[in-house]
Amino acid sequence: MTAPECCTSTVGKKCCPCKKMPAVFVILFGLTFLLREVGVISYHVAAVTWPIIVILAGAQFICRDSCKCCKTEPK
């Protein structure tokens, strides 16, 4: 399986944003717990936030095939 044309590392092209979303969700997940430990957000806010992040990550995982630039056309 090869990477879609939009995600290959060529000059002048940007990678598809859908490829960056898993990393964004991991960062938000970790940031939730870090902010709770530092005292920026309360335990209750963190207890509600992390399940929402996990749900959004799952929804993005399910919908990842709907990305228009990553669909490969049969030749």
PDB file of N, CA and C in Angstrom:
ATOM      1  N   MET A   1       0.852  -1.173   0.000  1.00  0.00           N
ATOM      2  CA  MET A   1       0.000   0.000   0.000  1.00  0.00           C
ATOM      3  C   MET A   1       0.901   1.240   0.000  1.00  0.00           C
ATOM      4  N   THR A   2       0.683   2.127  -0.927  1.00  0.00           N
ATOM      5  CA  THR A   2       1.476   3.341  -1.009  1.00  0.00           C
ATOM      6  C   THR A   2       0.691   4.510  -0.440  1.00  0.00           C
ATOM      7  N   ALA A   3       1.439   5.527  -0.027  1.00  0.00           N
ATOM      8  CA  ALA A   3       0.805   6.722   0.516  1.00  0.00           C
ATOM      9  C   ALA A   3       0.124   7.493  -0.607  1.00  0.00           C
ATOM     10  N   PRO A   4      -1.000   8.136  -0.305  1.00  0.00           N
ATOM     11  CA  PRO A   4      -1.663   8.954  -1.320  1.00  0.00           C
ATOM     12  C   PRO A   4      -0.743  10.070  -1.789  1.00  0.00           C
ATOM     13  N   GLU A   5      -0.986  10.534  -2.987  1.00  0.00           N
ATOM     14  CA  GLU A   5      -0.133  11.559  -3.580  1.00  0.00           C
ATOM     15  C   GLU A   5      -0.043  12.810  -2.717  1.00  0.00           C
ATOM     16  N   CYS A   6      -1.125  13.158  -2.023  1.00  0.00           N
ATOM     17  CA  CYS A   6      -1.127  14.382  -1.233  1.00  0.00           C
ATOM     18  C   CYS A   6      -0.254  14.269   0.016  1.00  0.00           C
ATOM     19  N   CYS A   7       0.126  13.046   0.405  1.00  0.00           N
ATOM     20  CA  CYS A   7       0.879  12.868   1.636  1.00  0.00           C
ATOM     21  C   CYS A   7       2.319  12.458   1.401  1.00  0.00           C
ATOM     22  N   THR A   8       2.747  12.424   0.155  1.00  0.00           N
ATOM     23  CA  THR A   8       4.143  12.122  -0.098  1.00  0.00           C
ATOM     24  C   THR A   8       4.948  13.385   0.126  1.00  0.00           C
ATOM     25  N   SER A   9       6.186  13.217   0.469  1.00  0.00           N
ATOM     26  CA  SER A   9       7.009  14.383   0.806  1.00  0.00           C
ATOM     27  C   SER A   9       7.610  14.986  -0.462  1.00  0.00           C
ATOM     28  N   THR A  10       6.835  15.839  -1.113  1.00  0.00           N
ATOM     29  CA  THR A  10       7.314  16.568  -2.267  1.00  0.00           C
ATOM     30  C   THR A  10       7.289  18.045  -1.948  1.00  0.00           C
ATOM     31  N   VAL A  11       8.135  18.765  -2.607  1.00  0.00           N
ATOM     32  CA  VAL A  11       8.242  20.200  -2.357  1.00  0.00           C
ATOM     33  C   VAL A  11       6.973  20.899  -2.820  1.00  0.00           C
ATOM     34  N   GLY A  12       6.447  21.780  -1.970  1.00  0.00           N
ATOM     35  CA  GLY A  12       5.285  22.577  -2.328  1.00  0.00           C
ATOM     36  C   GLY A  12       3.958  21.944  -1.986  1.00  0.00           C
ATOM     37  N   LYS A  13       3.954  20.708  -1.489  1.00  0.00           N
ATOM     38  CA  LYS A  13       2.700  20.067  -1.112  1.00  0.00           C
ATOM     39  C   LYS A  13       2.666  19.886   0.390  1.00  0.00           C
ATOM     40  N   LYS A  14       1.495  20.046   0.944  1.00  0.00           N
ATOM     41  CA  LYS A  14       1.304  19.844   2.375  1.00  0.00           C
ATOM     42  C   LYS A  14       0.678  18.478   2.593  1.00  0.00           C
ATOM     43  N   CYS A  15       0.990  17.894   3.748  1.00  0.00           N
ATOM     44  CA  CYS A  15       0.389  16.615   4.079  1.00  0.00           C
ATOM     45  C   CYS A  15      -1.071  16.841   4.461  1.00  0.00           C
ATOM     46  N   CYS A  16      -1.872  15.872   4.176  1.00  0.00           N
ATOM     47  CA  CYS A  16      -3.298  15.924   4.483  1.00  0.00           C
ATOM     48  C   CYS A  16      -3.499  16.105   5.988  1.00  0.00           C
ATOM     49  N   PRO A  17      -4.366  17.003   6.429  1.00  0.00           N
ATOM     50  CA  PRO A  17      -4.600  17.218   7.863  1.00  0.00           C
ATOM     51  C   PRO A  17      -5.112  15.975   8.580  1.00  0.00           C
ATOM     52  N   CYS A  18      -5.774  15.074   7.867  1.00  0.00           N
ATOM     53  CA  CYS A  18      -6.297  13.876   8.534  1.00  0.00           C
ATOM     54  C   CYS A  18      -5.172  12.988   9.033  1.00  0.00           C
ATOM     55  N   LYS A  19      -3.986  13.117   8.480  1.00  0.00           N
ATOM     56  CA  LYS A  19      -2.845  12.324   8.929  1.00  0.00           C
ATOM     57  C   LYS A  19      -2.270  12.869  10.238  1.00  0.00           C
ATOM     58  N   LYS A  20      -2.547  14.124  10.548  1.00  0.00           N
ATOM     59  CA  LYS A  20      -2.026  14.748  11.763  1.00  0.00           C
ATOM     60  C   LYS A  20      -2.971  14.622  12.955  1.00  0.00           C
ATOM     61  N   MET A  21      -4.224  14.266  12.712  1.00  0.00           N
ATOM     62  CA  MET A  21      -5.218  14.240  13.782  1.00  0.00           C
ATOM     63  C   MET A  21      -4.909  13.260  14.911  1.00  0.00           C
ATOM     64  N   PRO A  22      -4.417  12.050  14.641  1.00  0.00           N
ATOM     65  CA  PRO A  22      -4.095  11.170  15.778  1.00  0.00           C
ATOM     66  C   PRO A  22      -3.083  11.788  16.736  1.00  0.00           C
ATOM     67  N   ALA A  23      -2.100  12.473  16.201  1.00  0.00           N
ATOM     68  CA  ALA A  23      -1.111  13.130  17.052  1.00  0.00           C
ATOM     69  C   ALA A  23      -1.741  14.258  17.861  1.00  0.00           C
ATOM     70  N   VAL A  24      -2.660  14.984  17.265  1.00  0.00           N
ATOM     71  CA  VAL A  24      -3.345  16.068  17.974  1.00  0.00           C
ATOM     72  C   VAL A  24      -4.153  15.513  19.132  1.00  0.00           C
ATOM     73  N   PHE A  25      -4.842  14.397  18.914  1.00  0.00           N
ATOM     74  CA  PHE A  25      -5.638  13.801  19.981  1.00  0.00           C
ATOM     75  C   PHE A  25      -4.763  13.280  21.119  1.00  0.00           C
ATOM     76  N   VAL A  26      -3.616  12.708  20.791  1.00  0.00           N
ATOM     77  CA  VAL A  26      -2.698  12.229  21.833  1.00  0.00           C
ATOM     78  C   VAL A  26      -2.171  13.404  22.650  1.00  0.00           C
ATOM     79  N   ILE A  27      -1.835  14.496  21.987  1.00  0.00           N
ATOM     80  CA  ILE A  27      -1.347  15.688  22.686  1.00  0.00           C
ATOM     81  C   ILE A  27      -2.436  16.248  23.594  1.00  0.00           C
ATOM     82  N   LEU A  28      -3.658  16.367  23.099  1.00  0.00           N
ATOM     83  CA  LEU A  28      -4.757  16.884  23.919  1.00  0.00           C
ATOM     84  C   LEU A  28      -5.043  15.977  25.110  1.00  0.00           C
ATOM     85  N   PHE A  29      -4.963  14.665  24.898  1.00  0.00           N
ATOM     86  CA  PHE A  29      -5.191  13.702  25.964  1.00  0.00           C
ATOM     87  C   PHE A  29      -4.145  13.884  27.073  1.00  0.00           C
ATOM     88  N   GLY A  30      -2.893  13.952  26.693  1.00  0.00           N
ATOM     89  CA  GLY A  30      -1.820  14.149  27.674  1.00  0.00           C
ATOM     90  C   GLY A  30      -1.896  15.510  28.334  1.00  0.00           C
ATOM     91  N   LEU A  31      -2.227  16.526  27.576  1.00  0.00           N
ATOM     92  CA  LEU A  31      -2.328  17.876  28.109  1.00  0.00           C
ATOM     93  C   LEU A  31      -3.436  17.991  29.148  1.00  0.00           C
ATOM     94  N   THR A  32      -4.509  17.239  28.957  1.00  0.00           N
ATOM     95  CA  THR A  32      -5.602  17.231  29.936  1.00  0.00           C
ATOM     96  C   THR A  32      -5.098  16.796  31.301  1.00  0.00           C
ATOM     97  N   PHE A  33      -4.345  15.705  31.329  1.00  0.00           N
ATOM     98  CA  PHE A  33      -3.853  15.197  32.603  1.00  0.00           C
ATOM     99  C   PHE A  33      -2.751  16.065  33.177  1.00  0.00           C
ATOM    100  N   LEU A  34      -1.913  16.639  32.320  1.00  0.00           N
ATOM    101  CA  LEU A  34      -0.865  17.534  32.803  1.00  0.00           C
ATOM    102  C   LEU A  34      -1.466  18.779  33.445  1.00  0.00           C
ATOM    103  N   LEU A  35      -2.442  19.377  32.799  1.00  0.00           N
ATOM    104  CA  LEU A  35      -3.081  20.576  33.348  1.00  0.00           C
ATOM    105  C   LEU A  35      -3.812  20.266  34.654  1.00  0.00           C
ATOM    106  N   ARG A  36      -4.355  19.061  34.763  1.00  0.00           N
ATOM    107  CA  ARG A  36      -5.006  18.677  36.014  1.00  0.00           C
ATOM    108  C   ARG A  36      -3.983  18.545  37.137  1.00  0.00           C
ATOM    109  N   GLU A  37      -2.846  17.935  36.857  1.00  0.00           N
ATOM    110  CA  GLU A  37      -1.818  17.754  37.881  1.00  0.00           C
ATOM    111  C   GLU A  37      -1.193  19.073  38.312  1.00  0.00           C
ATOM    112  N   VAL A  38      -1.076  20.016  37.398  1.00  0.00           N
ATOM    113  CA  VAL A  38      -0.491  21.322  37.713  1.00  0.00           C
ATOM    114  C   VAL A  38      -1.494  22.201  38.450  1.00  0.00           C
ATOM    115  N   GLY A  39      -2.771  21.886  38.321  1.00  0.00           N
ATOM    116  CA  GLY A  39      -3.795  22.645  39.011  1.00  0.00           C
ATOM    117  C   GLY A  39      -4.468  23.704  38.166  1.00  0.00           C
ATOM    118  N   VAL A  40      -4.210  23.685  36.874  1.00  0.00           N
ATOM    119  CA  VAL A  40      -4.825  24.667  35.977  1.00  0.00           C
ATOM    120  C   VAL A  40      -6.300  24.347  35.777  1.00  0.00           C
ATOM    121  N   ILE A  41      -6.614  23.070  35.645  1.00  0.00           N
ATOM    122  CA  ILE A  41      -8.011  22.659  35.542  1.00  0.00           C
ATOM    123  C   ILE A  41      -8.321  21.710  36.700  1.00  0.00           C
ATOM    124  N   SER A  42      -9.560  21.644  37.079  1.00  0.00           N
ATOM    125  CA  SER A  42      -9.949  20.802  38.211  1.00  0.00           C
ATOM    126  C   SER A  42     -10.067  19.339  37.785  1.00  0.00           C
ATOM    127  N   TYR A  43     -10.150  18.488  38.782  1.00  0.00           N
ATOM    128  CA  TYR A  43     -10.313  17.057  38.531  1.00  0.00           C
ATOM    129  C   TYR A  43     -11.606  16.798  37.770  1.00  0.00           C
ATOM    130  N   HIS A  44     -12.645  17.514  38.098  1.00  0.00           N
ATOM    131  CA  HIS A  44     -13.946  17.300  37.459  1.00  0.00           C
ATOM    132  C   HIS A  44     -13.922  17.690  35.979  1.00  0.00           C
ATOM    133  N   VAL A  45     -13.223  18.761  35.662  1.00  0.00           N
ATOM    134  CA  VAL A  45     -13.113  19.168  34.256  1.00  0.00           C
ATOM    135  C   VAL A  45     -12.319  18.115  33.479  1.00  0.00           C
ATOM    136  N   ALA A  46     -11.229  17.625  34.065  1.00  0.00           N
ATOM    137  CA  ALA A  46     -10.426  16.594  33.408  1.00  0.00           C
ATOM    138  C   ALA A  46     -11.208  15.297  33.258  1.00  0.00           C
ATOM    139  N   ALA A  47     -12.038  14.986  34.252  1.00  0.00           N
ATOM    140  CA  ALA A  47     -12.832  13.757  34.203  1.00  0.00           C
ATOM    141  C   ALA A  47     -13.864  13.792  33.083  1.00  0.00           C
ATOM    142  N   VAL A  48     -14.275  14.972  32.673  1.00  0.00           N
ATOM    143  CA  VAL A  48     -15.221  15.101  31.563  1.00  0.00           C
ATOM    144  C   VAL A  48     -14.483  15.262  30.238  1.00  0.00           C
ATOM    145  N   THR A  49     -13.331  15.909  30.262  1.00  0.00           N
ATOM    146  CA  THR A  49     -12.604  16.230  29.033  1.00  0.00           C
ATOM    147  C   THR A  49     -11.990  15.007  28.365  1.00  0.00           C
ATOM    148  N   TRP A  50     -11.329  14.138  29.138  1.00  0.00           N
ATOM    149  CA  TRP A  50     -10.628  13.035  28.476  1.00  0.00           C
ATOM    150  C   TRP A  50     -11.561  12.054  27.770  1.00  0.00           C
ATOM    151  N   PRO A  51     -12.752  11.751  28.290  1.00  0.00           N
ATOM    152  CA  PRO A  51     -13.625  10.874  27.486  1.00  0.00           C
ATOM    153  C   PRO A  51     -14.092  11.535  26.186  1.00  0.00           C
ATOM    154  N   ILE A  52     -14.272  12.842  26.222  1.00  0.00           N
ATOM    155  CA  ILE A  52     -14.669  13.558  25.006  1.00  0.00           C
ATOM    156  C   ILE A  52     -13.571  13.460  23.956  1.00  0.00           C
ATOM    157  N   ILE A  53     -12.318  13.596  24.380  1.00  0.00           N
ATOM    158  CA  ILE A  53     -11.193  13.486  23.454  1.00  0.00           C
ATOM    159  C   ILE A  53     -11.126  12.084  22.856  1.00  0.00           C
ATOM    160  N   VAL A  54     -11.341  11.075  23.680  1.00  0.00           N
ATOM    161  CA  VAL A  54     -11.320   9.697  23.183  1.00  0.00           C
ATOM    162  C   VAL A  54     -12.467   9.460  22.196  1.00  0.00           C
ATOM    163  N   ILE A  55     -13.638   9.982  22.483  1.00  0.00           N
ATOM    164  CA  ILE A  55     -14.784   9.840  21.575  1.00  0.00           C
ATOM    165  C   ILE A  55     -14.510  10.537  20.247  1.00  0.00           C
ATOM    166  N   LEU A  56     -13.948  11.737  20.289  1.00  0.00           N
ATOM    167  CA  LEU A  56     -13.620  12.454  19.057  1.00  0.00           C
ATOM    168  C   LEU A  56     -12.563  11.712  18.244  1.00  0.00           C
ATOM    169  N   ALA A  57     -11.584  11.131  18.927  1.00  0.00           N
ATOM    170  CA  ALA A  57     -10.557  10.361  18.227  1.00  0.00           C
ATOM    171  C   ALA A  57     -11.174   9.144  17.550  1.00  0.00           C
ATOM    172  N   GLY A  58     -12.088   8.489  18.229  1.00  0.00           N
ATOM    173  CA  GLY A  58     -12.771   7.348  17.629  1.00  0.00           C
ATOM    174  C   GLY A  58     -13.620   7.742  16.444  1.00  0.00           C
ATOM    175  N   ALA A  59     -14.315   8.856  16.554  1.00  0.00           N
ATOM    176  CA  ALA A  59     -15.139   9.335  15.437  1.00  0.00           C
ATOM    177  C   ALA A  59     -14.270   9.697  14.238  1.00  0.00           C
ATOM    178  N   GLN A  60     -13.130  10.300  14.514  1.00  0.00           N
ATOM    179  CA  GLN A  60     -12.214  10.646  13.430  1.00  0.00           C
ATOM    180  C   GLN A  60     -11.663   9.376  12.788  1.00  0.00           C
ATOM    181  N   PHE A  61     -11.391   8.362  13.586  1.00  0.00           N
ATOM    182  CA  PHE A  61     -10.891   7.093  13.065  1.00  0.00           C
ATOM    183  C   PHE A  61     -11.929   6.438  12.151  1.00  0.00           C
ATOM    184  N   ILE A  62     -13.187   6.491  12.540  1.00  0.00           N
ATOM    185  CA  ILE A  62     -14.259   5.913  11.730  1.00  0.00           C
ATOM    186  C   ILE A  62     -14.434   6.689  10.432  1.00  0.00           C
ATOM    187  N   CYS A  63     -14.320   8.011  10.498  1.00  0.00           N
ATOM    188  CA  CYS A  63     -14.582   8.857   9.328  1.00  0.00           C
ATOM    189  C   CYS A  63     -13.349   9.123   8.476  1.00  0.00           C
ATOM    190  N   ARG A  64     -12.238   8.502   8.788  1.00  0.00           N
ATOM    191  CA  ARG A  64     -11.004   8.832   8.064  1.00  0.00           C
ATOM    192  C   ARG A  64     -11.063   8.481   6.590  1.00  0.00           C
ATOM    193  N   ASP A  65     -11.898   7.532   6.200  1.00  0.00           N
ATOM    194  CA  ASP A  65     -11.996   7.159   4.794  1.00  0.00           C
ATOM    195  C   ASP A  65     -12.767   8.183   3.970  1.00  0.00           C
ATOM    196  N   SER A  66     -13.374   9.165   4.618  1.00  0.00           N
ATOM    197  CA  SER A  66     -14.138  10.162   3.873  1.00  0.00           C
ATOM    198  C   SER A  66     -13.287  11.358   3.452  1.00  0.00           C
ATOM    199  N   CYS A  67     -11.998  11.322   3.756  1.00  0.00           N
ATOM    200  CA  CYS A  67     -11.091  12.410   3.361  1.00  0.00           C
ATOM    201  C   CYS A  67     -10.975  12.421   1.835  1.00  0.00           C
ATOM    202  N   LYS A  68     -11.286  13.541   1.217  1.00  0.00           N
ATOM    203  CA  LYS A  68     -11.310  13.629  -0.241  1.00  0.00           C
ATOM    204  C   LYS A  68      -9.921  13.533  -0.854  1.00  0.00           C
ATOM    205  N   CYS A  69      -8.915  14.094  -0.191  1.00  0.00           N
ATOM    206  CA  CYS A  69      -7.589  14.085  -0.808  1.00  0.00           C
ATOM    207  C   CYS A  69      -6.880  12.752  -0.631  1.00  0.00           C
ATOM    208  N   CYS A  70      -7.342  11.908   0.286  1.00  0.00           N
ATOM    209  CA  CYS A  70      -6.680  10.612   0.500  1.00  0.00           C
ATOM    210  C   CYS A  70      -7.344   9.467  -0.241  1.00  0.00           C
ATOM    211  N   LYS A  71      -8.469   9.744  -0.861  1.00  0.00           N
ATOM    212  CA  LYS A  71      -9.117   8.676  -1.638  1.00  0.00           C
ATOM    213  C   LYS A  71      -8.287   8.412  -2.879  1.00  0.00           C
ATOM    214  N   THR A  72      -8.039   7.169  -3.123  1.00  0.00           N
ATOM    215  CA  THR A  72      -7.286   6.810  -4.317  1.00  0.00           C
ATOM    216  C   THR A  72      -8.263   6.307  -5.369  1.00  0.00           C
ATOM    217  N   GLU A  73      -8.119   6.841  -6.530  1.00  0.00           N
ATOM    218  CA  GLU A  73      -8.997   6.476  -7.638  1.00  0.00           C
ATOM    219  C   GLU A  73      -8.424   5.238  -8.326  1.00  0.00           C
ATOM    220  N   PRO A  74      -9.273   4.296  -8.684  1.00  0.00           N
ATOM    221  CA  PRO A  74      -8.761   3.133  -9.458  1.00  0.00           C
ATOM    222  C   PRO A  74      -8.268   3.573 -10.816  1.00  0.00           C
ATOM    223  N   LYS A  75      -7.174   2.981 -11.245  1.00  0.00           N
ATOM    224  CA  LYS A  75      -6.593   3.388 -12.545  1.00  0.00           C
ATOM    225  C   LYS A  75      -7.070   2.529 -13.667  1.00  0.00           C
TER     226      LYS A  75
END
